[in-house]
Protein backbone atom coordinates (compact mmCIF):
# COMPACT_ATOMS: atom_id res chain seq x y z
CA UNK A 1 31.89 23.00 -1.18
CA UNK A 2 30.06 23.96 -4.26
CA UNK A 3 27.73 21.18 -5.38
CA UNK A 4 25.92 20.70 -8.71
CA UNK A 5 22.58 18.87 -8.44
CA UNK A 6 21.09 17.50 -11.61
CA UNK A 7 17.15 16.82 -11.78
CA UNK A 8 16.93 19.53 -9.15
CA UNK A 9 13.18 20.00 -9.64
CA UNK A 10 12.35 16.48 -8.97
CA UNK A 11 10.90 14.77 -5.81
CA UNK A 12 14.35 13.77 -4.60
CA UNK A 13 16.22 16.83 -5.94
CA UNK A 14 14.12 19.22 -3.69
CA UNK A 15 15.04 17.18 -0.52
CA UNK A 16 18.72 17.13 -1.63
CA UNK A 17 18.80 20.90 -2.08
CA UNK A 18 17.05 21.58 1.38
CA UNK A 19 19.76 19.54 3.02
CA UNK A 20 22.61 21.18 1.16
CA UNK A 21 21.45 24.60 2.06
CA UNK A 22 20.91 23.62 5.65
CA UNK A 23 24.62 22.61 5.81
CA UNK A 24 25.73 25.84 4.14
CA UNK A 25 27.11 24.30 0.92
CA UNK A 26 26.97 26.41 -2.19
CA UNK A 27 24.25 24.86 -4.39
CA UNK A 28 24.08 24.86 -8.10
CA UNK A 29 20.91 23.54 -9.86
CA UNK A 30 20.87 22.14 -13.39
CA UNK A 31 17.30 22.53 -14.83
CA UNK A 32 15.87 21.80 -18.29
CA UNK A 33 14.24 25.13 -18.85
CA UNK A 34 14.07 28.61 -17.14
CA UNK A 35 10.50 28.12 -16.13
CA UNK A 36 11.64 25.23 -13.96
CA UNK A 37 13.47 27.60 -11.54
CA UNK A 38 11.52 27.55 -8.26
CA UNK A 39 14.50 28.32 -5.98
CA UNK A 40 15.39 31.56 -4.14
CA UNK A 41 18.43 33.65 -4.81
CA UNK A 42 20.65 31.64 -2.50
CA UNK A 43 20.67 28.86 -5.26
CA UNK A 44 22.50 29.16 -8.50
CA UNK A 45 20.29 27.99 -11.25
CA UNK A 46 21.70 26.91 -14.72
CA UNK A 47 19.44 26.06 -17.63
CA UNK A 48 20.95 23.15 -19.66
CA UNK A 49 18.09 22.11 -22.01
CA UNK A 50 17.55 18.41 -22.82
CA UNK A 51 19.87 15.91 -21.22
CA UNK A 52 21.55 13.84 -23.83
CA UNK A 53 24.93 13.03 -25.41
CA UNK A 54 25.14 16.68 -26.66
CA UNK A 55 24.30 18.44 -23.44
CA UNK A 56 26.69 21.23 -22.83
CA UNK A 57 27.42 21.17 -19.03
CA UNK A 58 30.28 23.71 -19.14
CA UNK A 59 28.41 26.56 -17.40
CA UNK A 60 26.93 24.27 -14.81
CA UNK A 61 30.42 22.81 -13.91
CA UNK A 62 32.32 25.92 -13.54
CA UNK A 63 33.87 25.94 -10.11
CA UNK A 64 31.89 22.76 -8.97
CA UNK A 65 33.68 20.46 -6.34
CA UNK A 66 31.08 17.72 -6.45
CA UNK A 67 27.99 16.50 -8.30
CA UNK A 68 24.87 14.67 -7.26
CA UNK A 69 23.43 13.24 -10.48
CA UNK A 70 19.72 12.60 -10.08
CA UNK A 71 18.28 13.47 -13.49
CA UNK A 72 16.67 10.33 -15.14
CA UNK A 73 14.07 9.18 -17.46
CA UNK A 74 11.69 7.27 -15.27
CA UNK A 75 8.89 6.42 -17.73
CA UNK A 76 7.79 6.28 -21.39
CA UNK A 77 4.25 6.44 -22.69
CA UNK A 78 2.95 4.17 -25.24
CA UNK A 79 2.36 7.11 -27.51
CA UNK A 80 6.20 7.62 -27.60
CA UNK A 81 6.99 4.31 -29.39
CA UNK A 82 6.86 0.62 -29.08
CA UNK A 83 10.55 0.36 -28.03
CA UNK A 84 11.24 2.49 -25.00
CA UNK A 85 15.04 1.65 -24.56
CA UNK A 86 16.25 4.33 -26.93
CA UNK A 87 14.25 6.97 -25.13
CA UNK A 88 15.56 5.71 -21.83
CA UNK A 89 19.07 5.52 -23.07
CA UNK A 90 19.14 8.99 -24.38
CA UNK A 91 18.83 10.49 -20.89
CA UNK A 92 19.97 7.71 -18.48
CA UNK A 93 23.04 6.61 -20.41
CA UNK A 94 24.00 9.15 -22.91
CA UNK A 95 23.28 12.06 -20.46
CA UNK A 96 25.37 10.32 -17.82
CA UNK A 97 28.24 9.78 -20.35
CA UNK A 98 28.41 13.42 -21.26
CA UNK A 99 28.26 14.57 -17.79
CA UNK A 100 30.98 12.37 -16.70
CA UNK A 101 33.18 13.18 -19.51
CA UNK A 102 32.79 16.99 -18.91
CA UNK A 103 33.04 16.51 -15.15
CA UNK A 104 36.62 15.05 -15.68
CA UNK A 105 37.52 17.99 -17.91
CA UNK A 106 36.34 20.50 -15.34
CA UNK A 107 38.27 18.97 -12.55
CA UNK A 108 35.24 17.83 -10.54
CA UNK A 109 36.40 15.83 -7.54
CA UNK A 110 33.48 13.46 -6.97
CA UNK A 111 30.31 12.49 -8.78
CA UNK A 112 27.59 10.76 -6.73
CA UNK A 113 25.16 8.84 -9.09
CA UNK A 114 21.70 7.76 -8.00
CA UNK A 115 21.02 4.51 -9.63
CA UNK A 116 18.09 2.15 -8.75
CA UNK A 117 17.51 -1.12 -6.93
CA UNK A 118 15.99 -2.16 -10.22
CA UNK A 119 19.67 -2.84 -11.51
CA UNK A 120 19.57 -5.89 -9.10
CA UNK A 121 16.10 -6.97 -10.10
CA UNK A 122 12.45 -6.73 -9.40
CA UNK A 123 11.94 -9.24 -6.51
CA UNK A 124 13.68 -11.13 -3.68
CA UNK A 125 12.90 -14.55 -2.31
CA UNK A 126 15.13 -16.10 0.25
CA UNK A 127 17.62 -13.24 0.86
CA UNK A 128 17.89 -9.45 0.41
CA UNK A 129 19.87 -7.85 -2.33
CA UNK A 130 23.44 -6.88 -1.45
CA UNK A 131 26.28 -5.15 -3.31
CA UNK A 132 27.78 -8.50 -4.20
CA UNK A 133 24.83 -9.61 -6.32
CA UNK A 134 25.09 -9.63 -10.19
CA UNK A 135 22.95 -7.19 -11.88
CA UNK A 136 19.64 -8.69 -13.29
CA UNK A 137 17.54 -5.75 -14.51
CA UNK A 138 14.19 -6.69 -16.25
CA UNK A 139 12.72 -3.44 -17.50
CA UNK A 140 14.10 -0.72 -19.64
CA UNK A 141 14.63 1.62 -16.86
CA UNK A 142 16.63 -0.85 -14.89
CA UNK A 143 18.69 -1.93 -17.85
CA UNK A 144 19.67 1.70 -18.76
CA UNK A 145 20.53 2.37 -15.05
CA UNK A 146 22.82 -0.54 -15.17
CA UNK A 147 24.36 0.61 -18.38
CA UNK A 148 24.81 4.14 -16.95
CA UNK A 149 26.68 2.76 -13.91
CA UNK A 150 29.17 0.92 -16.23
CA UNK A 151 29.48 4.05 -18.35
CA UNK A 152 30.37 6.07 -15.27
CA UNK A 153 32.91 3.70 -13.95
CA UNK A 154 34.61 3.24 -17.45
CA UNK A 155 34.65 7.01 -18.11
CA UNK A 156 36.08 8.01 -14.71
CA UNK A 157 38.61 5.07 -14.58
CA UNK A 158 42.11 6.40 -14.27
CA UNK A 159 40.98 10.10 -13.76
CA UNK A 160 41.01 12.36 -10.74
CA UNK A 161 37.16 12.33 -10.57
CA UNK A 162 35.76 9.81 -8.14
CA UNK A 163 32.40 8.17 -8.44
CA UNK A 164 29.89 6.89 -5.93
CA UNK A 165 26.95 4.77 -7.01
CA UNK A 166 23.85 4.57 -4.94
CA UNK A 167 20.99 2.14 -5.49
CA UNK A 168 17.82 3.04 -3.53
CA UNK A 169 14.54 1.12 -3.38
CA UNK A 170 10.95 2.65 -3.56
CA UNK A 171 10.99 6.21 -1.96
CA UNK A 172 8.39 7.89 0.12
CA UNK A 173 8.09 11.40 1.59
CA UNK A 174 6.63 14.82 1.06
CA UNK A 175 5.91 15.38 -2.62
CA UNK A 176 5.93 11.60 -3.61
CA UNK A 177 3.96 10.64 -6.82
CA UNK A 178 3.21 7.37 -8.62
CA UNK A 179 2.34 4.19 -6.81
CA UNK A 180 3.03 5.33 -3.20
CA UNK A 181 0.89 8.42 -3.77
CA UNK A 182 -1.95 6.30 -5.15
CA UNK A 183 -1.90 3.89 -2.30
CA UNK A 184 -1.99 6.80 0.18
CA UNK A 185 -4.92 8.29 -1.63
CA UNK A 186 -6.76 4.99 -1.47
CA UNK A 187 -6.11 4.86 2.30
CA UNK A 188 -7.28 8.34 2.86
CA UNK A 189 -10.46 7.82 0.95
CA UNK A 190 -11.32 4.84 3.07
CA UNK A 191 -11.34 2.40 0.04
CA UNK A 192 -11.41 -1.27 1.03
CA UNK A 193 -8.24 -2.86 -0.13
CA UNK A 194 -7.97 -6.62 -0.71
CA UNK A 195 -4.52 -6.91 0.57
CA UNK A 196 -4.81 -8.64 4.05
CA UNK A 197 -3.59 -11.92 2.74
CA UNK A 198 -0.29 -10.42 1.48
CA UNK A 199 2.72 -11.80 3.30
CA UNK A 200 5.55 -10.07 1.54
CA UNK A 201 8.36 -7.81 2.77
CA UNK A 202 9.51 -4.77 1.04
CA UNK A 203 12.40 -2.28 1.71
CA UNK A 204 11.53 1.34 1.35
CA UNK A 205 13.48 4.49 1.85
CA UNK A 206 12.47 7.91 3.13
CA UNK A 207 13.39 10.77 0.79
CA UNK A 208 15.03 12.69 3.57
CA UNK A 209 17.03 9.73 4.65
CA UNK A 210 18.34 9.23 1.25
CA UNK A 211 19.21 13.02 0.85
CA UNK A 212 21.13 12.62 4.11
CA UNK A 213 22.90 9.60 2.92
CA UNK A 214 23.87 11.30 -0.46
CA UNK A 215 25.37 14.25 1.37
CA UNK A 216 27.35 11.70 3.39
CA UNK A 217 28.67 10.14 0.20
CA UNK A 218 29.93 13.68 -1.11
CA UNK A 219 32.91 13.76 1.26
CA UNK A 220 33.22 10.61 3.15
CA UNK A 221 36.73 9.14 2.18
CA UNK A 222 35.31 5.57 2.26
CA UNK A 223 32.71 6.32 -0.31
CA UNK A 224 34.99 6.73 -3.33
CA UNK A 225 34.83 4.15 -6.01
CA UNK A 226 32.08 2.13 -4.24
CA UNK A 227 28.39 1.01 -4.80
CA UNK A 228 25.90 1.14 -2.06
CA UNK A 229 22.53 -0.22 -1.52
CA UNK A 230 20.61 1.86 0.91
CA UNK A 231 17.21 1.52 2.57
CA UNK A 232 15.40 2.23 5.86
CA UNK A 233 16.46 -0.12 8.73
CA UNK A 234 13.05 -2.00 8.72
CA UNK A 235 11.23 -3.79 5.98
CA UNK A 236 7.24 -3.85 5.95
CA UNK A 237 4.60 -5.96 4.24
CA UNK A 238 2.00 -4.17 2.21
CA UNK A 239 -0.67 -4.62 4.80
CA UNK A 240 1.65 -3.19 7.43
CA UNK A 241 2.32 -0.24 5.16
CA UNK A 242 -1.35 0.37 4.82
CA UNK A 243 -1.76 0.27 8.51
CA UNK A 244 1.05 2.76 9.03
CA UNK A 245 -0.52 5.08 6.65
CA UNK A 246 -3.90 4.88 8.15
CA UNK A 247 -2.51 5.35 11.71
CA UNK A 248 -0.53 8.33 10.53
CA UNK A 249 -3.79 9.85 8.84
CA UNK A 250 -6.01 8.88 11.87
CA UNK A 251 -8.34 6.70 9.67
CA UNK A 252 -9.25 3.08 9.77
CA UNK A 253 -7.30 0.71 7.57
CA UNK A 254 -9.84 -1.16 5.51
CA UNK A 255 -8.01 -4.44 4.66
CA UNK A 256 -9.85 -7.38 3.17
CA UNK A 257 -8.51 -10.90 2.65
CA UNK A 258 -8.11 -12.10 -0.94
CA UNK A 259 -6.11 -14.89 -2.55
CA UNK A 260 -2.92 -13.88 -4.07
CA UNK A 261 -3.76 -15.81 -7.29
CA UNK A 262 -6.96 -13.70 -7.64
CA UNK A 263 -4.98 -10.56 -7.19
CA UNK A 264 -2.59 -11.69 -9.95
CA UNK A 265 -5.34 -12.59 -12.25
CA UNK A 266 -7.02 -9.27 -11.65
CA UNK A 267 -3.59 -7.62 -12.73
CA UNK A 268 -3.50 -9.57 -15.94
CA UNK A 269 -7.01 -8.79 -16.86
CA UNK A 270 -6.72 -4.99 -16.15
CA UNK A 271 -3.21 -4.55 -17.57
CA UNK A 272 -1.92 -3.78 -14.08
CA UNK A 273 0.25 -6.89 -13.52
CA UNK A 274 3.37 -4.88 -12.70
CA UNK A 275 1.52 -2.83 -10.04
CA UNK A 276 0.08 -6.12 -8.46
CA UNK A 277 3.48 -7.61 -8.47
CA UNK A 278 4.85 -4.78 -6.45
CA UNK A 279 1.89 -5.02 -3.98
CA UNK A 280 2.20 -8.83 -3.37
CA UNK A 281 5.82 -9.46 -3.99
CA UNK A 282 9.01 -9.00 -1.94
CA UNK A 283 12.00 -6.90 -2.49
CA UNK A 284 14.44 -6.51 0.45
CA UNK A 285 17.67 -4.55 0.56
CA UNK A 286 20.64 -5.27 2.82
CA UNK A 287 22.19 -1.83 3.61
CA UNK A 288 24.58 -2.99 6.23
CA UNK A 289 27.63 -2.41 4.10
CA UNK A 290 26.67 1.22 3.41
CA UNK A 291 25.88 1.89 6.99
CA UNK A 292 29.07 0.23 8.16
CA UNK A 293 31.45 1.67 5.77
CA UNK A 294 30.07 5.26 6.02
CA UNK A 295 29.14 5.06 9.72
CA UNK A 296 25.80 6.34 8.73
CA UNK A 297 22.54 6.15 10.64
CA UNK A 298 19.22 7.32 9.17
CA UNK A 299 18.02 10.56 10.70
CA UNK A 300 14.27 9.71 10.41
CA UNK A 301 12.40 6.53 11.34
CA UNK A 302 9.92 5.06 8.74
CA UNK A 303 7.04 6.18 11.05
CA UNK A 304 8.36 9.71 11.17
CA UNK A 305 8.88 9.93 7.46
CA UNK A 306 5.42 8.52 6.65
CA UNK A 307 3.71 10.81 9.11
CA UNK A 308 5.45 13.84 7.24
CA UNK A 309 4.25 12.54 3.88
CA UNK A 310 0.70 11.93 5.20
CA UNK A 311 0.47 15.35 6.90
CA UNK A 312 1.62 17.13 3.75
CA UNK A 313 -1.11 15.46 1.70
CA UNK A 314 -3.88 16.02 4.26
CA UNK A 315 -2.96 19.71 4.81
CA UNK A 316 -2.82 20.25 1.13
CA UNK A 317 -6.25 18.69 0.77
CA UNK A 318 -7.74 20.67 3.55
CA UNK A 319 -6.39 23.89 2.00
CA UNK A 320 -7.75 23.10 -1.44
CA UNK A 321 -11.21 22.20 0.02
CA UNK A 322 -11.15 25.34 2.21
């Protein structure tokens, strides 16, 4: 089939495209600017400009069977304004609305939308999140992802275009950025980490596992008109994650005990309360419905995925230093 991938140049987009090419699908990438084209001649690249309510998707949608919609606004800097919601909505909500409307007009069969576990909330306590839980987003990103889900459902209702909504937790893998990359760098540098007292549990998802699941959602008959929470089949505490990263890199894990209250106080004082919350808090995902409904098994274990991520960083470091 011919598959359009939006957000094609992102961390997840690159993994998805590799899987599509491997399975011999015709791939079309929607990119913001011509300079973002980093694919070979086997991939059809269409420049669409900024993603918002006025985006013209016509050329990108010609002859497309299915869409994997990844493009999203994931952060807003303080310099861009005190209220981030309008900036998030422009891409995450309005951009999804325009794509869905034009997908219907173009006769697209299925649209797979990658949302976020942040739609469910920021933390779990006594049980993992499931598809039956009411949305409880707390930040602008989670709020707009929830709004985008509702826009998608309402726009495609009664049409011949099916939707599939996927909510992943924190991703890891080759090319990862943000908090996971920062934690890995700290481990590689041998920095002492005051996380030995943390007793949380967090669900993670390898980027290649998610890419594989998204391709399953493209054509599985049981995926249509459903929402799925998906994660690796094991949860880990933050200290366990540090040890896994250290083992993969062949370096010692330098974990020190520290009261959780002290860590949270440090977060407030330094303006990093959100980061500390993620390090010490729990967020677990029950993906049993997705696995059962689509008969899906993850192709890579967490240890394999983390090893690939660590190897890519250490090899790039050796190449740079060399």
